[in-house]
Amino acid sequence: MTTQDMLDERYGRRRSPARRWLIGGAAVLAVGVVAAFGWFTVQGSLDAVDVDTTSFAIVDEHAVELGFQITAPPGRAVACAIEAQDEDHGVVGWRVVEIEAADTHARAFREMIPTTAEATTGFVNSCWVLSSPAT
């Protein structure tokens, strides 16, 4: 008989198998929650698109030329919403540009935005990965 067994017998303590199952189940649940959180984090970053506006030029009162670069998953088509605003931050031009899939990670583009009035700025509002390839 071990010392622990003698102490347990002396003081009337019993080791419960249910407690061991409870601790084991809680540990398995905790590992599962951490694994699920890790998977969702990785899955979300696989389709992440980063975009930077590199330049804009006001062509005339009816157009803005916008330069931007994207960093997107290789082999995935991307769409970007590009926008032109006036001095009061009102949207005077807007369009969605679909970018075909490519093998490179980072690419640069120049696009024209038709406007309804003279713009003072142009920028990329947002970009996202398309579920089907752009045509």
Protein backbone atom coordinates (compact mmCIF):
# COMPACT_ATOMS: atom_id res chain seq x y z
CA MET A 1 0.00 0.00 0.00
CA THR A 2 1.36 3.44 -0.93
CA THR A 3 1.53 6.39 1.40
CA GLN A 4 -1.21 8.14 -0.54
CA ASP A 5 -3.47 5.09 -0.20
CA MET A 6 -2.80 4.94 3.56
CA LEU A 7 -3.62 8.65 3.95
CA ASP A 8 -6.78 8.29 1.87
CA GLU A 9 -7.89 5.33 3.99
CA ARG A 10 -7.06 7.08 7.24
CA TYR A 11 -8.97 10.29 6.41
CA GLY A 12 -11.80 8.68 4.45
CA ARG A 13 -11.00 10.16 1.05
CA ARG A 14 -11.90 8.30 -2.08
CA ARG A 15 -10.76 8.99 -5.59
CA SER A 16 -13.78 9.30 -7.81
CA PRO A 17 -13.56 7.98 -11.40
CA ALA A 18 -16.30 10.46 -12.34
CA ARG A 19 -14.00 13.33 -11.36
CA ARG A 20 -11.24 12.00 -13.60
CA TRP A 21 -13.70 11.73 -16.51
CA LEU A 22 -14.89 15.28 -15.84
CA ILE A 23 -11.34 16.69 -15.86
CA GLY A 24 -10.45 14.66 -18.96
CA GLY A 25 -13.60 15.80 -20.77
CA ALA A 26 -12.91 19.44 -19.88
CA ALA A 27 -9.35 19.12 -21.18
CA VAL A 28 -10.56 17.59 -24.47
CA LEU A 29 -13.17 20.34 -24.82
CA ALA A 30 -10.56 23.05 -24.20
CA VAL A 31 -8.24 21.55 -26.83
CA GLY A 32 -11.17 21.40 -29.27
CA VAL A 33 -12.08 25.05 -28.70
CA VAL A 34 -8.47 26.18 -29.20
CA ALA A 35 -8.17 24.09 -32.38
CA ALA A 36 -11.45 25.50 -33.78
CA PHE A 37 -10.37 29.08 -33.02
CA GLY A 38 -7.03 28.44 -34.74
CA TRP A 39 -8.72 26.95 -37.81
CA PHE A 40 -11.14 29.88 -38.16
CA THR A 41 -8.24 32.32 -37.85
CA VAL A 42 -6.23 30.55 -40.55
CA GLN A 43 -9.27 30.11 -42.82
CA GLY A 44 -10.09 33.82 -42.58
CA SER A 45 -6.59 34.87 -43.52
CA LEU A 46 -6.37 32.53 -46.54
CA ASP A 47 -8.75 34.74 -48.53
CA ALA A 48 -7.46 38.07 -47.22
CA VAL A 49 -6.83 40.83 -49.75
CA ASP A 50 -4.67 43.82 -48.88
CA VAL A 51 -4.91 46.93 -51.04
CA ASP A 52 -2.99 50.21 -51.15
CA THR A 53 -3.88 53.27 -53.21
CA THR A 54 -0.62 54.39 -54.83
CA SER A 55 -1.79 57.38 -56.87
CA PHE A 56 -4.69 59.28 -58.33
CA ALA A 57 -4.83 61.89 -61.06
CA ILE A 58 -7.78 64.06 -62.00
CA VAL A 59 -7.98 63.69 -65.77
CA ASP A 60 -10.82 66.18 -66.25
CA GLU A 61 -14.19 66.94 -64.67
CA HIS A 62 -15.53 63.58 -65.87
CA ALA A 63 -12.74 61.13 -65.00
CA VAL A 64 -10.14 60.19 -62.39
CA GLU A 65 -7.24 57.80 -62.99
CA LEU A 66 -6.50 55.64 -59.97
CA GLY A 67 -3.34 53.64 -59.27
CA PHE A 68 -3.41 50.86 -56.70
CA GLN A 69 -1.74 47.59 -55.79
CA ILE A 70 -3.26 44.47 -54.31
CA THR A 71 -1.83 41.56 -52.38
CA ALA A 72 -4.13 38.58 -52.85
CA PRO A 73 -3.98 34.78 -52.77
CA PRO A 74 -2.32 33.46 -55.96
CA GLY A 75 -4.71 31.74 -58.35
CA ARG A 76 -7.80 33.57 -57.03
CA ALA A 77 -9.83 36.22 -58.86
CA VAL A 78 -10.40 39.47 -56.97
CA ALA A 79 -12.90 42.33 -57.24
CA CYS A 80 -12.29 45.87 -55.99
CA ALA A 81 -14.71 48.74 -55.47
CA ILE A 82 -12.97 51.96 -56.54
CA GLU A 83 -14.37 55.38 -55.77
CA ALA A 84 -13.96 59.08 -56.56
CA GLN A 85 -15.12 61.82 -54.20
CA ASP A 86 -15.56 65.58 -54.42
CA GLU A 87 -14.32 68.17 -51.94
CA ASP A 88 -17.36 67.60 -49.69
CA HIS A 89 -16.61 63.83 -49.56
CA GLY A 90 -19.60 63.08 -51.75
CA VAL A 91 -19.24 60.12 -54.08
CA VAL A 92 -19.08 61.38 -57.68
CA GLY A 93 -17.80 58.18 -59.29
CA TRP A 94 -17.79 54.52 -58.39
CA ARG A 95 -17.24 51.18 -60.07
CA VAL A 96 -16.30 47.57 -59.36
CA VAL A 97 -13.21 46.23 -61.11
CA GLU A 98 -12.83 42.46 -61.50
CA ILE A 99 -9.22 41.27 -61.60
CA GLU A 100 -8.46 37.89 -63.09
CA ALA A 101 -6.57 35.25 -61.17
CA ALA A 102 -2.79 35.20 -61.55
CA ASP A 103 0.18 33.25 -60.21
CA THR A 104 1.72 36.30 -58.51
CA HIS A 105 0.95 37.41 -54.98
CA ALA A 106 1.18 41.21 -55.48
CA ARG A 107 0.12 43.20 -58.53
CA ALA A 108 -0.31 46.85 -59.50
CA PHE A 109 -3.12 48.38 -61.59
CA ARG A 110 -4.28 51.68 -63.08
CA GLU A 111 -8.02 52.19 -63.66
CA MET A 112 -10.23 55.04 -64.84
CA ILE A 113 -13.26 56.08 -62.79
CA PRO A 114 -15.93 57.99 -64.72
CA THR A 115 -17.37 60.82 -62.60
CA THR A 116 -20.56 62.87 -62.62
CA ALA A 117 -18.78 66.00 -61.34
CA GLU A 118 -15.20 67.10 -60.74
CA ALA A 119 -13.50 64.88 -58.17
CA THR A 120 -10.79 65.83 -55.71
CA THR A 121 -9.67 62.34 -54.73
CA GLY A 122 -9.82 58.71 -55.75
CA PHE A 123 -9.22 55.57 -53.71
CA VAL A 124 -9.99 51.88 -53.36
CA ASN A 125 -12.97 51.40 -51.06
CA SER A 126 -12.54 47.62 -50.59
CA CYS A 127 -11.41 44.39 -52.26
CA TRP A 128 -12.54 40.79 -51.88
CA VAL A 129 -11.83 37.34 -53.33
CA LEU A 130 -14.39 36.16 -55.86
CA SER A 131 -15.92 32.75 -55.43
CA SER A 132 -15.80 32.14 -59.19
CA PRO A 133 -13.11 33.31 -61.62
CA ALA A 134 -13.51 36.72 -63.27
CA THR A 135 -14.14 36.71 -67.01
